[in-house]
Amino acid sequence: MELENNILFWQKLDTLVLSSTLVIERKKGTAHPNYPNLIYPCNYGYLKDTHSSDMGEIDIFVGSRHASQTDTIIVAVDVLKKDAEVKVLLGCTEEEETGILHFLNQTDFQKTIIVRRGNNLPAWAISDN
């Protein structure tokens, strides 16, 4: 089955982002606390009082475009942590997205895919009622 990239998912994600407090932990250009050779390409933080698969809050990269709509998510798999999680990108340019992908894919232990916003209404959401 092909990815069903529908507008309803993105609307819910927008609601989650807009209704949460954004906390920036690491500014663009700073080093990762455990791996000083990894430099954050964008501001990075989390959405306060949310929950992610790693038992922390939902991770978010914030780009230079001032946006209130999410256009991209990244799905990451880390074999060392035996973990998979979603990272939200908010207001990122294509160049910033490329930088984030490079940042997250530097090791052999973690790999990611990017999913860009869809705008289709799924057939199951259409009703004659």
Protein backbone atom coordinates (compact mmCIF):
# COMPACT_ATOMS: atom_id res chain seq x y z
CA MET A 1 0.00 0.00 0.00
CA GLU A 2 1.27 3.45 -0.88
CA LEU A 3 1.63 6.15 1.76
CA GLU A 4 -1.71 7.86 2.35
CA ASN A 5 -0.49 11.42 2.82
CA ASN A 6 -3.76 13.16 3.62
CA ILE A 7 -4.69 16.65 4.72
CA LEU A 8 -6.46 15.44 7.87
CA PHE A 9 -3.19 14.16 9.34
CA TRP A 10 -1.48 17.49 8.64
CA GLN A 11 -4.37 19.46 10.14
CA LYS A 12 -4.09 17.46 13.37
CA LEU A 13 -0.32 17.96 13.42
CA ASP A 14 -0.81 21.72 12.94
CA THR A 15 -3.26 21.74 15.85
CA LEU A 16 -0.79 19.86 18.04
CA VAL A 17 2.06 22.24 17.19
CA LEU A 18 -0.03 25.41 17.60
CA SER A 19 -1.55 24.28 20.91
CA SER A 20 1.82 23.32 22.44
CA THR A 21 4.59 25.41 23.95
CA LEU A 22 7.71 25.32 21.80
CA VAL A 23 10.95 24.95 23.78
CA ILE A 24 14.24 25.50 21.91
CA GLU A 25 17.02 23.46 23.55
CA ARG A 26 19.75 23.98 20.98
CA LYS A 27 20.27 27.00 18.78
CA LYS A 28 21.29 26.78 15.14
CA GLY A 29 25.06 26.39 14.87
CA THR A 30 25.58 24.81 18.31
CA ALA A 31 27.15 21.40 18.86
CA HIS A 32 25.33 18.29 20.04
CA PRO A 33 26.08 17.82 23.77
CA ASN A 34 27.39 14.25 23.33
CA TYR A 35 28.87 14.53 19.84
CA PRO A 36 30.67 17.87 19.40
CA ASN A 37 31.30 17.26 15.69
CA LEU A 38 27.51 17.31 15.04
CA ILE A 39 26.35 20.91 14.54
CA TYR A 40 22.64 21.73 14.56
CA PRO A 41 21.58 23.17 11.16
CA CYS A 42 18.45 24.82 12.65
CA ASN A 43 17.01 25.60 16.05
CA TYR A 44 16.04 22.35 17.74
CA GLY A 45 13.79 21.58 20.64
CA TYR A 46 10.55 19.97 21.63
CA LEU A 47 6.84 20.57 22.13
CA LYS A 48 6.24 20.82 25.88
CA ASP A 49 3.75 18.40 27.45
CA THR A 50 3.61 16.13 24.40
CA HIS A 51 4.68 12.49 24.18
CA SER A 52 6.92 10.69 21.71
CA SER A 53 7.93 7.06 21.23
CA ASP A 54 11.21 7.66 23.10
CA MET A 55 9.25 8.67 26.23
CA GLY A 56 10.27 12.30 25.77
CA GLU A 57 8.39 15.12 24.15
CA ILE A 58 7.94 15.48 20.38
CA ASP A 59 11.13 16.78 18.72
CA ILE A 60 10.95 19.80 16.44
CA PHE A 61 13.35 21.61 14.13
CA VAL A 62 12.48 25.27 13.53
CA GLY A 63 13.71 26.93 10.35
CA SER A 64 14.11 30.51 9.22
CA ARG A 65 10.67 30.86 7.61
CA HIS A 66 8.15 32.13 10.13
CA ALA A 67 5.40 29.58 9.63
CA SER A 68 2.46 28.36 11.66
CA GLN A 69 1.83 25.33 9.44
CA THR A 70 3.90 22.17 9.40
CA ASP A 71 5.01 21.10 5.94
CA THR A 72 7.42 18.30 6.70
CA ILE A 73 8.11 15.46 9.12
CA ILE A 74 11.09 13.17 9.36
CA VAL A 75 10.80 9.56 10.45
CA ALA A 76 13.99 8.28 12.08
CA VAL A 77 15.09 4.74 12.89
CA ASP A 78 17.98 4.26 15.32
CA VAL A 79 19.29 0.70 15.65
CA LEU A 80 21.48 1.52 18.67
CA LYS A 81 18.54 2.84 20.67
CA LYS A 82 16.18 0.30 19.03
CA ASP A 83 13.88 3.21 18.43
CA ALA A 84 11.81 4.88 15.74
CA GLU A 85 10.36 8.35 16.05
CA VAL A 86 8.90 11.31 14.20
CA LYS A 87 10.53 14.73 14.15
CA VAL A 88 8.52 17.78 13.13
CA LEU A 89 9.98 20.48 10.86
CA LEU A 90 8.40 23.91 11.15
CA GLY A 91 9.20 26.77 8.81
CA CYS A 92 12.19 25.09 7.17
CA THR A 93 13.45 26.00 3.72
CA GLU A 94 14.51 23.25 1.30
CA GLU A 95 18.15 24.05 2.14
CA GLU A 96 17.43 23.68 5.86
CA GLU A 97 15.60 20.40 5.24
CA THR A 98 18.65 19.11 3.38
CA GLY A 99 20.88 20.20 6.27
CA ILE A 100 18.64 18.43 8.79
CA LEU A 101 18.67 15.22 6.72
CA HIS A 102 22.47 15.38 6.54
CA PHE A 103 22.66 16.03 10.30
CA LEU A 104 20.40 13.07 11.15
CA ASN A 105 21.96 10.60 8.67
CA GLN A 106 25.64 11.02 9.58
CA THR A 107 26.00 7.71 11.38
CA ASP A 108 25.50 4.14 10.24
CA PHE A 109 23.16 3.58 13.20
CA GLN A 110 20.41 6.10 12.39
CA LYS A 111 18.68 6.69 9.07
CA THR A 112 15.70 8.84 8.19
CA ILE A 113 13.09 9.52 5.56
CA ILE A 114 11.32 12.79 4.87
CA VAL A 115 7.57 13.17 4.32
CA ARG A 116 6.24 16.42 2.87
CA ARG A 117 2.73 17.74 3.46
CA GLY A 118 -0.02 16.15 1.42
CA ASN A 119 -3.33 17.80 0.63
CA ASN A 120 -5.59 14.97 -0.48
CA LEU A 121 -8.81 14.11 1.29
CA PRO A 122 -8.90 10.32 1.70
CA ALA A 123 -11.83 8.37 0.27
CA TRP A 124 -12.78 7.07 3.72
CA ALA A 125 -13.33 10.69 4.90
CA ILE A 126 -15.83 11.53 2.18
CA SER A 127 -19.43 10.96 3.14
CA ASP A 128 -22.78 11.59 1.47
CA ASN A 129 -24.38 12.34 4.87
